Amino acid sequence: MSGQRVPRVAKGKRPQYFADPATDKLMAIVVSLIGELSVTRDRLDALERLLETSGSLSRQQLDAIEFDDAATHERDRERKDYIGRVMRIVTMELQQTNKDGATPSFDEQMKSLLR
């Protein structure tokens, strides 16, 4: 798969289920985290079973792995993408308040969220 994924943005007003809109945002983040973690756990389980069955890598070897700069950079990028998916609800709201539609930086998003 090449290129960057374009996030889908729902049109219209977001439904509100709780009296406090912040609770709705927090719930959306929690649900997003549940989905992300579920997929991660399934993939991790599959990999561990495959490694154990093939005998190609022990848990001790797995714990001792050190990554080179390229792998570290890729892992950092993946982490940033993951956080972006989890924090999508906050990002979408901030984009709606920005006149130019620019996506705020992660630090800006976190500062806004913590206000």
N, C-alpha and C. Protein backbone atom coordinates (compact mmCIF):
# COMPACT_ATOMS: atom_id res chain seq x y z
N MET A 1 0.85 -1.18 0.00
CA MET A 1 0.00 0.00 0.00
C MET A 1 0.89 1.24 0.00
N SER A 2 0.69 2.11 -0.93
CA SER A 2 1.52 3.31 -1.00
C SER A 2 0.68 4.53 -0.71
N GLY A 3 1.37 5.59 -0.34
CA GLY A 3 0.69 6.84 -0.07
C GLY A 3 0.16 6.91 1.34
N GLN A 4 -0.33 8.07 1.68
CA GLN A 4 -0.84 8.31 3.01
C GLN A 4 -2.36 8.19 3.00
N ARG A 5 -2.90 7.57 4.03
CA ARG A 5 -4.35 7.43 4.14
C ARG A 5 -4.98 8.79 4.40
N VAL A 6 -6.09 9.04 3.76
CA VAL A 6 -6.82 10.28 3.97
C VAL A 6 -7.92 9.99 4.99
N PRO A 7 -7.89 10.69 6.13
CA PRO A 7 -8.91 10.42 7.15
C PRO A 7 -10.29 10.81 6.66
N ARG A 8 -11.26 9.98 6.99
CA ARG A 8 -12.65 10.30 6.65
C ARG A 8 -13.21 11.20 7.74
N VAL A 9 -13.96 12.19 7.32
CA VAL A 9 -14.54 13.14 8.26
C VAL A 9 -16.05 13.12 8.08
N ALA A 10 -16.76 12.85 9.16
CA ALA A 10 -18.22 12.84 9.11
C ALA A 10 -18.74 14.26 9.00
N LYS A 11 -19.81 14.42 8.26
CA LYS A 11 -20.45 15.72 8.10
C LYS A 11 -21.57 15.86 9.12
N GLY A 12 -21.88 17.06 9.47
CA GLY A 12 -22.98 17.31 10.39
C GLY A 12 -22.52 17.32 11.84
N LYS A 13 -23.48 17.56 12.71
CA LYS A 13 -23.18 17.65 14.13
C LYS A 13 -23.04 16.26 14.74
N ARG A 14 -22.10 16.12 15.63
CA ARG A 14 -21.84 14.87 16.32
C ARG A 14 -22.93 14.66 17.37
N PRO A 15 -23.50 13.43 17.45
CA PRO A 15 -24.52 13.20 18.47
C PRO A 15 -23.93 13.31 19.87
N GLN A 16 -24.73 13.76 20.81
CA GLN A 16 -24.27 13.89 22.19
C GLN A 16 -25.09 12.92 23.04
N TYR A 17 -24.39 12.06 23.78
CA TYR A 17 -25.04 11.04 24.60
C TYR A 17 -25.02 11.38 26.09
N PHE A 18 -24.03 12.14 26.52
CA PHE A 18 -23.90 12.49 27.93
C PHE A 18 -24.15 13.99 28.10
N ALA A 19 -24.48 14.38 29.32
CA ALA A 19 -24.77 15.78 29.60
C ALA A 19 -23.57 16.68 29.31
N ASP A 20 -22.39 16.19 29.60
CA ASP A 20 -21.17 16.97 29.39
C ASP A 20 -20.51 16.52 28.08
N PRO A 21 -20.33 17.43 27.11
CA PRO A 21 -19.70 17.05 25.84
C PRO A 21 -18.30 16.48 26.03
N ALA A 22 -17.60 16.89 27.08
CA ALA A 22 -16.25 16.35 27.32
C ALA A 22 -16.32 14.85 27.61
N THR A 23 -17.39 14.41 28.25
CA THR A 23 -17.57 12.98 28.51
C THR A 23 -17.74 12.21 27.21
N ASP A 24 -18.47 12.78 26.27
CA ASP A 24 -18.62 12.16 24.95
C ASP A 24 -17.27 12.03 24.25
N LYS A 25 -16.46 13.07 24.33
CA LYS A 25 -15.14 13.03 23.70
C LYS A 25 -14.27 11.96 24.35
N LEU A 26 -14.29 11.94 25.67
CA LEU A 26 -13.49 10.94 26.38
C LEU A 26 -13.95 9.53 26.02
N MET A 27 -15.25 9.32 25.93
CA MET A 27 -15.77 8.00 25.57
C MET A 27 -15.34 7.62 24.15
N ALA A 28 -15.34 8.56 23.23
CA ALA A 28 -14.90 8.28 21.87
C ALA A 28 -13.42 7.87 21.86
N ILE A 29 -12.61 8.52 22.68
CA ILE A 29 -11.20 8.18 22.78
C ILE A 29 -11.05 6.77 23.36
N VAL A 30 -11.80 6.47 24.41
CA VAL A 30 -11.73 5.15 25.04
C VAL A 30 -12.12 4.05 24.05
N VAL A 31 -13.21 4.27 23.31
CA VAL A 31 -13.65 3.28 22.32
C VAL A 31 -12.58 3.10 21.24
N SER A 32 -11.98 4.18 20.81
CA SER A 32 -10.90 4.09 19.83
C SER A 32 -9.73 3.27 20.38
N LEU A 33 -9.37 3.52 21.63
CA LEU A 33 -8.29 2.76 22.26
C LEU A 33 -8.63 1.28 22.38
N ILE A 34 -9.87 0.97 22.70
CA ILE A 34 -10.29 -0.43 22.79
C ILE A 34 -10.09 -1.13 21.45
N GLY A 35 -10.49 -0.48 20.37
CA GLY A 35 -10.31 -1.06 19.04
C GLY A 35 -8.85 -1.27 18.69
N GLU A 36 -8.05 -0.25 18.94
CA GLU A 36 -6.62 -0.35 18.64
C GLU A 36 -5.96 -1.46 19.46
N LEU A 37 -6.26 -1.53 20.73
CA LEU A 37 -5.66 -2.53 21.60
C LEU A 37 -6.11 -3.93 21.23
N SER A 38 -7.36 -4.08 20.87
CA SER A 38 -7.87 -5.39 20.46
C SER A 38 -7.12 -5.94 19.27
N VAL A 39 -6.93 -5.10 18.25
CA VAL A 39 -6.19 -5.52 17.06
C VAL A 39 -4.75 -5.85 17.43
N THR A 40 -4.14 -5.03 18.25
CA THR A 40 -2.75 -5.26 18.67
C THR A 40 -2.61 -6.58 19.41
N ARG A 41 -3.53 -6.85 20.31
CA ARG A 41 -3.48 -8.10 21.08
C ARG A 41 -3.63 -9.31 20.17
N ASP A 42 -4.55 -9.24 19.20
CA ASP A 42 -4.72 -10.35 18.26
C ASP A 42 -3.45 -10.61 17.46
N ARG A 43 -2.84 -9.53 16.97
CA ARG A 43 -1.61 -9.68 16.17
C ARG A 43 -0.45 -10.18 17.03
N LEU A 44 -0.33 -9.68 18.23
CA LEU A 44 0.73 -10.12 19.12
C LEU A 44 0.57 -11.60 19.45
N ASP A 45 -0.65 -12.03 19.74
CA ASP A 45 -0.91 -13.43 20.02
C ASP A 45 -0.52 -14.31 18.83
N ALA A 46 -0.91 -13.89 17.63
CA ALA A 46 -0.58 -14.66 16.42
C ALA A 46 0.94 -14.76 16.24
N LEU A 47 1.64 -13.65 16.42
CA LEU A 47 3.10 -13.66 16.27
C LEU A 47 3.77 -14.54 17.32
N GLU A 48 3.34 -14.43 18.57
CA GLU A 48 3.94 -15.24 19.62
C GLU A 48 3.72 -16.73 19.36
N ARG A 49 2.52 -17.10 18.92
CA ARG A 49 2.24 -18.51 18.62
C ARG A 49 3.10 -18.99 17.45
N LEU A 50 3.24 -18.16 16.43
CA LEU A 50 4.06 -18.54 15.27
C LEU A 50 5.52 -18.68 15.66
N LEU A 51 6.04 -17.75 16.43
CA LEU A 51 7.43 -17.82 16.87
C LEU A 51 7.68 -19.04 17.76
N GLU A 52 6.74 -19.30 18.65
CA GLU A 52 6.89 -20.45 19.54
C GLU A 52 6.84 -21.76 18.76
N THR A 53 5.90 -21.87 17.83
CA THR A 53 5.76 -23.08 17.03
C THR A 53 6.99 -23.32 16.16
N SER A 54 7.50 -22.26 15.56
CA SER A 54 8.66 -22.40 14.67
C SER A 54 9.97 -22.52 15.45
N GLY A 55 9.96 -22.13 16.70
CA GLY A 55 11.17 -22.19 17.51
C GLY A 55 12.22 -21.19 17.07
N SER A 56 11.82 -20.15 16.35
CA SER A 56 12.81 -19.22 15.80
C SER A 56 13.19 -18.08 16.75
N LEU A 57 12.42 -17.85 17.79
CA LEU A 57 12.73 -16.75 18.69
C LEU A 57 12.14 -17.02 20.07
N SER A 58 12.98 -16.91 21.09
CA SER A 58 12.49 -17.10 22.45
C SER A 58 11.99 -15.76 23.00
N ARG A 59 11.25 -15.83 24.09
CA ARG A 59 10.77 -14.60 24.72
C ARG A 59 11.93 -13.76 25.24
N GLN A 60 12.99 -14.40 25.72
CA GLN A 60 14.16 -13.68 26.21
C GLN A 60 14.83 -12.92 25.06
N GLN A 61 14.93 -13.54 23.90
CA GLN A 61 15.51 -12.86 22.73
C GLN A 61 14.63 -11.68 22.32
N LEU A 62 13.35 -11.89 22.36
CA LEU A 62 12.42 -10.82 22.00
C LEU A 62 12.56 -9.62 22.93
N ASP A 63 12.70 -9.89 24.24
CA ASP A 63 12.85 -8.81 25.22
C ASP A 63 14.17 -8.06 25.06
N ALA A 64 15.19 -8.72 24.49
CA ALA A 64 16.53 -8.14 24.40
C ALA A 64 16.79 -7.39 23.09
N ILE A 65 15.82 -7.34 22.20
CA ILE A 65 16.02 -6.70 20.89
C ILE A 65 16.31 -5.21 21.07
N GLU A 66 17.33 -4.71 20.36
CA GLU A 66 17.64 -3.28 20.30
C GLU A 66 17.47 -2.84 18.85
N PHE A 67 16.87 -1.69 18.66
CA PHE A 67 16.53 -1.23 17.31
C PHE A 67 17.53 -0.21 16.80
N ASP A 68 17.78 -0.25 15.48
CA ASP A 68 18.67 0.74 14.86
C ASP A 68 17.89 2.03 14.63
N ASP A 69 18.56 3.05 14.12
CA ASP A 69 17.94 4.37 13.93
C ASP A 69 16.74 4.31 12.98
N ALA A 70 16.86 3.55 11.89
CA ALA A 70 15.76 3.46 10.93
C ALA A 70 14.53 2.84 11.57
N ALA A 71 14.72 1.77 12.33
CA ALA A 71 13.60 1.12 13.00
C ALA A 71 13.00 2.04 14.05
N THR A 72 13.86 2.75 14.78
CA THR A 72 13.38 3.69 15.80
C THR A 72 12.54 4.79 15.16
N HIS A 73 13.00 5.30 14.02
CA HIS A 73 12.26 6.34 13.30
C HIS A 73 10.89 5.81 12.85
N GLU A 74 10.87 4.60 12.30
CA GLU A 74 9.63 4.01 11.83
C GLU A 74 8.67 3.78 13.00
N ARG A 75 9.19 3.29 14.12
CA ARG A 75 8.35 3.07 15.30
C ARG A 75 7.80 4.39 15.83
N ASP A 76 8.60 5.44 15.81
CA ASP A 76 8.13 6.77 16.24
C ASP A 76 7.00 7.26 15.33
N ARG A 77 7.16 7.06 14.02
CA ARG A 77 6.13 7.47 13.06
C ARG A 77 4.84 6.69 13.29
N GLU A 78 4.97 5.37 13.50
CA GLU A 78 3.80 4.54 13.76
C GLU A 78 3.10 4.96 15.05
N ARG A 79 3.88 5.31 16.07
CA ARG A 79 3.32 5.76 17.35
C ARG A 79 2.55 7.06 17.15
N LYS A 80 3.13 7.98 16.39
CA LYS A 80 2.46 9.26 16.13
C LYS A 80 1.15 9.03 15.38
N ASP A 81 1.16 8.14 14.39
CA ASP A 81 -0.06 7.82 13.65
C ASP A 81 -1.12 7.21 14.57
N TYR A 82 -0.68 6.33 15.45
CA TYR A 82 -1.58 5.68 16.41
C TYR A 82 -2.23 6.72 17.32
N ILE A 83 -1.42 7.60 17.87
CA ILE A 83 -1.95 8.65 18.74
C ILE A 83 -2.93 9.52 17.97
N GLY A 84 -2.62 9.81 16.71
CA GLY A 84 -3.53 10.58 15.87
C GLY A 84 -4.88 9.91 15.69
N ARG A 85 -4.86 8.58 15.51
CA ARG A 85 -6.13 7.85 15.37
C ARG A 85 -6.91 7.89 16.68
N VAL A 86 -6.23 7.70 17.78
CA VAL A 86 -6.90 7.69 19.08
C VAL A 86 -7.46 9.07 19.41
N MET A 87 -6.71 10.10 19.10
CA MET A 87 -7.11 11.46 19.43
C MET A 87 -7.91 12.13 18.31
N ARG A 88 -8.40 11.37 17.35
CA ARG A 88 -9.09 11.90 16.18
C ARG A 88 -10.24 12.83 16.56
N ILE A 89 -10.99 12.49 17.57
CA ILE A 89 -12.15 13.30 17.97
C ILE A 89 -11.71 14.70 18.39
N VAL A 90 -10.61 14.79 19.11
CA VAL A 90 -10.10 16.08 19.55
C VAL A 90 -9.55 16.85 18.36
N THR A 91 -8.81 16.16 17.49
CA THR A 91 -8.23 16.80 16.30
C THR A 91 -9.32 17.37 15.40
N MET A 92 -10.39 16.59 15.20
CA MET A 92 -11.48 17.07 14.34
C MET A 92 -12.10 18.34 14.90
N GLU A 93 -12.30 18.38 16.20
CA GLU A 93 -12.89 19.57 16.81
C GLU A 93 -11.96 20.78 16.68
N LEU A 94 -10.67 20.55 16.89
CA LEU A 94 -9.72 21.65 16.76
C LEU A 94 -9.64 22.15 15.33
N GLN A 95 -9.73 21.25 14.36
CA GLN A 95 -9.71 21.66 12.95
C GLN A 95 -10.92 22.53 12.64
N GLN A 96 -12.05 22.20 13.22
CA GLN A 96 -13.27 22.97 12.97
C GLN A 96 -13.15 24.39 13.54
N THR A 97 -12.35 24.54 14.60
CA THR A 97 -12.21 25.86 15.19
C THR A 97 -11.13 26.68 14.51
N ASN A 98 -10.20 26.02 13.80
CA ASN A 98 -9.15 26.74 13.06
C ASN A 98 -9.72 27.24 11.75
N LYS A 99 -9.51 28.48 11.45
CA LYS A 99 -10.06 29.06 10.23
C LYS A 99 -9.43 28.47 8.97
N ASP A 100 -8.13 28.15 9.03
CA ASP A 100 -7.46 27.65 7.83
C ASP A 100 -7.57 26.13 7.68
N GLY A 101 -8.18 25.43 8.64
CA GLY A 101 -8.36 23.99 8.56
C GLY A 101 -7.09 23.21 8.82
N ALA A 102 -6.02 23.89 9.26
CA ALA A 102 -4.75 23.21 9.52
C ALA A 102 -4.88 22.32 10.74
N THR A 103 -4.17 21.21 10.70
CA THR A 103 -4.16 20.30 11.83
C THR A 103 -3.16 20.80 12.87
N PRO A 104 -3.61 21.02 14.10
CA PRO A 104 -2.69 21.46 15.14
C PRO A 104 -1.67 20.36 15.46
N SER A 105 -0.53 20.75 15.97
CA SER A 105 0.48 19.77 16.36
C SER A 105 -0.04 18.96 17.54
N PHE A 106 0.61 17.83 17.79
CA PHE A 106 0.22 16.99 18.92
C PHE A 106 0.29 17.78 20.22
N ASP A 107 1.36 18.56 20.41
CA ASP A 107 1.52 19.36 21.63
C ASP A 107 0.37 20.36 21.76
N GLU A 108 0.01 21.00 20.66
CA GLU A 108 -1.10 21.97 20.69
C GLU A 108 -2.41 21.27 21.05
N GLN A 109 -2.62 20.08 20.50
CA GLN A 109 -3.83 19.33 20.80
C GLN A 109 -3.90 18.98 22.28
N MET A 110 -2.78 18.53 22.82
CA MET A 110 -2.77 18.13 24.22
C MET A 110 -2.98 19.34 25.14
N LYS A 111 -2.38 20.48 24.82
CA LYS A 111 -2.58 21.69 25.61
C LYS A 111 -4.06 22.10 25.59
N SER A 112 -4.68 22.03 24.40
CA SER A 112 -6.08 22.39 24.26
C SER A 112 -6.96 21.42 25.04
N LEU A 113 -6.65 20.14 24.98
CA LEU A 113 -7.42 19.13 25.67
C LEU A 113 -7.36 19.30 27.17
N LEU A 114 -6.20 19.70 27.68
CA LEU A 114 -5.99 19.81 29.12
C LEU A 114 -6.50 21.13 29.70
N ARG A 115 -6.95 22.04 28.86
CA ARG A 115 -7.49 23.32 29.36
C ARG A 115 -8.81 23.13 30.04
